[in-house]
Protein backbone atom coordinates (compact mmCIF):
# COMPACT_ATOMS: atom_id res chain seq x y z
CA MET A 1 4.81 -4.09 -8.33
CA LEU A 2 5.37 -1.79 -5.33
CA LYS A 3 9.24 -1.79 -4.23
CA THR A 4 10.01 -2.38 -0.64
CA ARG A 5 11.67 0.43 1.28
CA VAL A 6 14.43 0.52 3.53
CA ILE A 7 14.32 3.20 6.09
CA PRO A 8 16.81 4.42 8.16
CA THR A 9 15.45 6.05 11.69
CA LEU A 10 17.39 8.60 13.19
CA LEU A 11 16.37 9.46 17.11
CA TRP A 12 17.11 12.97 18.10
CA LYS A 13 17.71 14.20 21.56
CA ASP A 14 19.05 17.58 22.62
CA HIS A 15 20.25 18.13 19.06
CA GLY A 16 22.25 14.88 18.72
CA LEU A 17 21.35 11.57 17.53
CA VAL A 18 20.83 8.58 20.54
CA LYS A 19 20.09 5.02 20.18
CA GLY A 20 19.02 2.94 23.36
CA VAL A 21 17.49 -0.37 24.31
CA GLY A 22 13.86 -0.67 24.81
CA PHE A 23 13.48 3.26 24.49
CA ASP A 24 15.59 3.51 27.12
CA SER A 25 19.38 3.85 27.82
CA TRP A 26 19.92 6.76 25.49
CA ARG A 27 23.50 6.79 24.08
CA ARG A 28 24.84 9.74 21.69
CA VAL A 29 25.69 8.08 18.41
CA GLY A 30 26.51 11.25 16.33
CA THR A 31 24.91 14.40 14.97
CA VAL A 32 21.75 14.41 12.66
CA LEU A 33 23.18 16.12 9.66
CA PRO A 34 26.36 14.21 8.83
CA ALA A 35 23.98 11.02 9.33
CA ILE A 36 21.65 12.31 6.34
CA LYS A 37 24.68 13.22 4.39
CA VAL A 38 25.88 9.73 4.71
CA TYR A 39 22.47 7.85 3.99
CA ASN A 40 21.88 10.24 0.88
CA LEU A 41 25.03 8.18 -0.58
CA ARG A 42 23.67 4.80 0.47
CA GLU A 43 20.47 4.64 -1.43
CA VAL A 44 17.95 4.93 1.61
CA ASP A 45 14.58 5.36 0.33
CA GLU A 46 13.26 7.55 3.16
CA ILE A 47 14.56 8.71 6.19
CA ILE A 48 12.43 9.02 9.63
CA LEU A 49 13.39 11.92 12.07
CA VAL A 50 11.82 11.51 15.73
CA ASP A 51 12.33 13.81 18.66
CA VAL A 52 12.37 11.66 21.16
CA THR A 53 12.02 14.16 24.33
CA ALA A 54 9.55 16.75 22.55
CA THR A 55 6.25 15.03 23.90
CA ARG A 56 7.47 14.23 27.54
CA GLU A 57 8.97 18.07 27.43
CA GLU A 58 5.46 19.66 25.98
CA ARG A 59 7.48 21.58 23.53
CA GLU A 60 6.71 21.91 20.12
CA PRO A 61 8.95 20.52 17.25
CA ASP A 62 12.28 22.73 16.25
CA TYR A 63 11.22 23.69 13.01
CA ALA A 64 14.54 25.62 11.83
CA GLU A 65 16.90 22.87 12.80
CA ILE A 66 14.29 20.29 10.90
CA ALA A 67 14.64 22.69 7.93
CA GLU A 68 17.88 22.39 7.77
CA CYS A 69 17.97 18.34 7.91
CA THR A 70 15.20 18.39 5.08
CA ARG A 71 17.59 20.73 2.83
CA GLU A 72 20.44 18.08 3.44
CA SER A 73 18.35 15.07 2.70
CA PHE A 74 18.02 13.78 -1.09
CA VAL A 75 14.96 11.37 0.05
CA PRO A 76 11.49 11.84 1.78
CA MET A 77 11.68 12.89 5.22
CA THR A 78 8.96 11.67 7.61
CA VAL A 79 9.41 13.91 11.11
CA GLY A 80 8.03 12.88 14.40
CA GLY A 81 7.62 13.88 18.16
CA GLY A 82 5.81 16.86 20.06
CA ILE A 83 2.95 16.95 16.92
CA ARG A 84 -0.36 18.25 18.68
CA ASP A 85 -2.34 20.18 16.18
CA LEU A 86 -2.46 21.36 12.56
CA ASP A 87 -0.52 24.36 12.76
CA GLN A 88 2.42 22.52 13.79
CA ILE A 89 1.78 19.94 10.88
CA ARG A 90 1.75 22.96 8.32
CA LYS A 91 4.94 24.23 10.08
CA LEU A 92 6.72 21.23 9.49
CA LEU A 93 5.80 20.32 6.17
CA LEU A 94 6.48 24.12 5.15
CA ALA A 95 10.40 23.31 6.89
CA GLY A 96 10.48 20.67 4.47
CA ALA A 97 9.12 17.42 5.78
CA ASP A 98 7.40 15.15 3.27
CA LYS A 99 5.35 13.45 6.05
CA ILE A 100 4.52 13.55 9.58
CA SER A 101 4.38 10.95 12.20
CA LEU A 102 1.42 10.97 14.89
CA ASN A 103 1.89 9.03 18.13
CA SER A 104 0.90 10.02 21.68
CA HIS A 105 -1.32 12.65 20.81
CA ALA A 106 -3.47 10.69 18.47
CA TYR A 107 -4.40 8.70 21.47
CA ARG A 108 -5.47 12.10 23.01
CA ASP A 109 -7.24 13.34 20.03
CA PRO A 110 -7.82 10.85 17.62
CA ASP A 111 -9.60 13.10 15.24
CA LEU A 112 -6.38 14.82 14.67
CA VAL A 113 -5.40 12.32 12.43
CA SER A 114 -8.67 12.66 10.32
CA ARG A 115 -8.19 16.40 10.43
CA ALA A 116 -4.53 16.24 9.12
CA ALA A 117 -5.32 13.66 6.53
CA ASN A 118 -8.01 15.79 5.47
CA ARG A 119 -6.20 18.97 5.30
CA PHE A 120 -2.74 17.51 3.92
CA GLY A 121 -3.47 14.21 2.53
CA ASN A 122 -3.50 10.83 3.66
CA GLN A 123 0.23 10.14 2.11
CA CYS A 124 1.00 12.93 4.60
CA VAL A 125 0.20 11.02 7.56
CA VAL A 126 1.99 8.22 9.21
CA ALA A 127 0.45 6.73 12.64
CA SER A 128 2.99 5.44 14.68
CA ILE A 129 2.27 2.52 17.02
CA ASP A 130 4.73 1.44 19.81
CA TYR A 131 3.74 -1.64 21.79
CA ARG A 132 5.14 -3.95 24.24
CA THR A 133 4.20 -7.82 24.58
CA VAL A 134 4.07 -8.87 28.26
CA ASP A 135 2.52 -12.72 28.75
CA GLY A 136 1.71 -12.62 24.88
CA ALA A 137 -0.54 -9.93 24.92
CA ALA A 138 0.30 -6.52 23.26
CA GLU A 139 -0.45 -3.10 24.27
CA CYS A 140 0.08 0.12 22.78
CA TYR A 141 1.93 2.83 24.77
CA ALA A 142 2.58 6.39 24.60
CA GLY A 143 5.02 9.01 25.90
CA SER A 144 7.99 7.35 24.24
CA GLY A 145 7.03 3.97 25.91
CA THR A 146 6.03 5.32 29.03
CA VAL A 147 1.99 5.42 29.04
CA ALA A 148 0.31 2.56 29.07
CA THR A 149 -3.17 2.98 26.68
CA GLY A 150 -5.27 -0.28 27.36
CA LEU A 151 -5.23 -0.65 23.75
CA GLY A 152 -3.89 -3.40 21.27
CA PRO A 153 -2.14 -2.69 18.14
CA VAL A 154 -4.24 -4.28 15.80
CA ALA A 155 -7.26 -2.57 16.91
CA TRP A 156 -5.78 0.43 17.26
CA ALA A 157 -3.87 -0.03 13.69
CA MET A 158 -7.45 -0.69 12.22
CA GLU A 159 -9.02 2.47 13.78
CA LEU A 160 -6.11 4.71 12.64
CA GLU A 161 -6.53 3.72 9.17
CA ARG A 162 -10.30 4.12 9.47
CA LEU A 163 -9.46 7.89 11.05
CA GLY A 164 -7.59 8.27 7.71
CA ALA A 165 -4.08 7.46 8.29
CA GLY A 166 -2.16 6.43 4.93
CA GLU A 167 0.84 4.40 6.72
CA ILE A 168 1.47 2.44 9.91
CA LEU A 169 4.91 2.63 11.51
CA LEU A 170 5.05 -0.47 13.83
CA THR A 171 7.71 -0.63 16.70
CA SER A 172 8.32 -3.26 19.29
CA ILE A 173 9.53 -1.64 22.31
CA GLU A 174 11.14 -4.85 24.11
CA ARG A 175 12.99 -5.37 20.65
CA ASP A 176 14.07 -1.81 19.93
CA GLY A 177 17.90 -2.08 19.81
CA THR A 178 17.98 -5.48 20.45
CA MET A 179 19.25 -6.39 17.22
CA GLN A 180 17.42 -10.05 17.38
CA GLY A 181 14.86 -9.56 14.91
CA TYR A 182 11.68 -7.91 14.56
CA ASP A 183 8.42 -9.26 16.31
CA LEU A 184 7.05 -11.17 13.31
CA GLU A 185 3.80 -12.44 14.76
CA THR A 186 2.74 -9.02 15.69
CA THR A 187 3.77 -7.71 12.52
CA ARG A 188 1.86 -10.05 10.66
CA LYS A 189 -1.44 -9.68 12.78
CA VAL A 190 -1.38 -5.91 11.93
CA CYS A 191 -0.43 -6.27 7.94
CA ASP A 192 -3.29 -8.83 7.81
CA ALA A 193 -5.72 -6.40 9.73
CA VAL A 194 -5.17 -3.15 7.46
CA GLY A 195 -4.96 -2.26 3.77
CA ILE A 196 -2.77 0.35 4.15
CA PRO A 197 1.28 -0.22 4.24
CA VAL A 198 3.16 -1.17 7.72
CA ILE A 199 6.33 -0.20 8.10
CA VAL A 200 8.10 -2.67 10.58
CA SER A 201 10.52 -1.59 13.13
CA GLY A 202 12.25 -2.58 16.25
CA GLY A 203 15.01 -5.08 16.25
CA ALA A 204 16.66 -5.53 13.10
CA GLY A 205 20.22 -6.84 13.28
CA SER A 206 20.69 -8.29 10.08
CA ALA A 207 19.74 -8.22 6.14
CA GLU A 208 17.87 -11.38 6.86
CA HIS A 209 15.72 -9.90 9.86
CA VAL A 210 14.71 -7.43 7.46
CA MET A 211 13.83 -10.01 4.97
CA GLU A 212 11.78 -11.87 7.60
CA GLY A 213 9.96 -8.76 8.17
CA ILE A 214 8.75 -8.15 4.74
CA ARG A 215 8.40 -11.76 3.66
CA ASP A 216 7.21 -13.47 6.92
CA GLY A 217 5.61 -10.08 9.17
CA GLY A 218 3.99 -8.81 5.64
CA ALA A 219 5.21 -5.46 6.15
CA ALA A 220 5.80 -2.78 3.02
CA ALA A 221 8.92 -1.39 4.60
CA ALA A 222 11.47 -1.62 7.25
CA ALA A 223 13.03 0.50 9.48
CA ALA A 224 15.88 0.49 11.26
CA ALA A 225 18.39 2.24 13.50
CA SER A 226 20.96 0.11 15.34
CA ILE A 227 21.94 -2.24 12.46
CA PHE A 228 23.48 1.06 10.28
CA HIS A 229 24.90 2.69 13.29
CA PHE A 230 26.68 -0.41 15.10
CA THR A 231 27.66 -2.73 12.26
CA GLU A 232 29.22 -2.86 8.93
CA ILE A 233 25.59 -3.67 7.15
CA THR A 234 24.48 -0.68 5.01
CA PRO A 235 21.10 0.15 3.48
CA LEU A 236 22.51 -0.94 -0.08
CA THR A 237 23.80 -4.08 1.62
CA VAL A 238 20.15 -4.98 2.84
CA LYS A 239 18.56 -4.05 -0.57
CA ASN A 240 20.96 -6.50 -2.30
CA HIS A 241 20.21 -9.34 0.08
CA LEU A 242 16.52 -8.32 -0.47
CA SER A 243 16.72 -8.57 -4.26
CA ALA A 244 18.87 -11.52 -4.21
CA HIS A 245 15.64 -13.45 -2.63
CA GLY A 246 13.20 -11.90 -5.14
CA ILE A 247 12.26 -9.14 -3.21
CA ALA A 248 11.58 -5.84 -5.26
CA VAL A 249 13.63 -2.82 -4.35
CA ARG A 250 14.63 0.15 -5.55
CA LYS A 251 18.19 0.74 -6.38
CA THR A 252 20.21 2.97 -8.85
CA GLY A 253 23.55 0.66 -9.07
């Protein structure tokens, strides 16, 4: 049986960790390396590290700093932000990233997903979908939630799977940072539409919310940030809750 993954998300801006609400009002919550060292001790399955301003500033990932982060991580790390071509992906993998996350540039150049999957393997390519739901209709956004694409998350997830993505990272923008729970309806629709794993993101405020994302939303993994930054809940707390309700997780203790 595949085990459910619990994945902290680290949002990186100007060399520090930040957290906002709805992809806005960023506030500093620490620095990257100490956070990675803490998560190494808390039985996380993976870590997602995203540079939230690289794409808007049209700059490449900071390979040197990413290499420093991956050296400290004892678990697989997915890196996103500012990725535009295969050479940048190659450099990130050489810097120690296990997977890369494509978002904004996949809309501009969908074939990049296919080229990356063909060159480096499907398991390396995480396609990130950020969306807002307005008047009952969900729409994908690029540019850290600033550019409407006209695409719905279900159709776009199906296309990303066809292009060769190995996973979908699905984030509700309006729920991000609210700690009011995941968008279970959209999550379920996307999970039912694709055959690749979906990581639900945006809104977790309790271990129960994470369980709902897995049990009711159908996600294979749950990503979260605020719950770990602003509460006493740890990834191990979440795993214990999942395990107590019959959801298989990986634990060493």
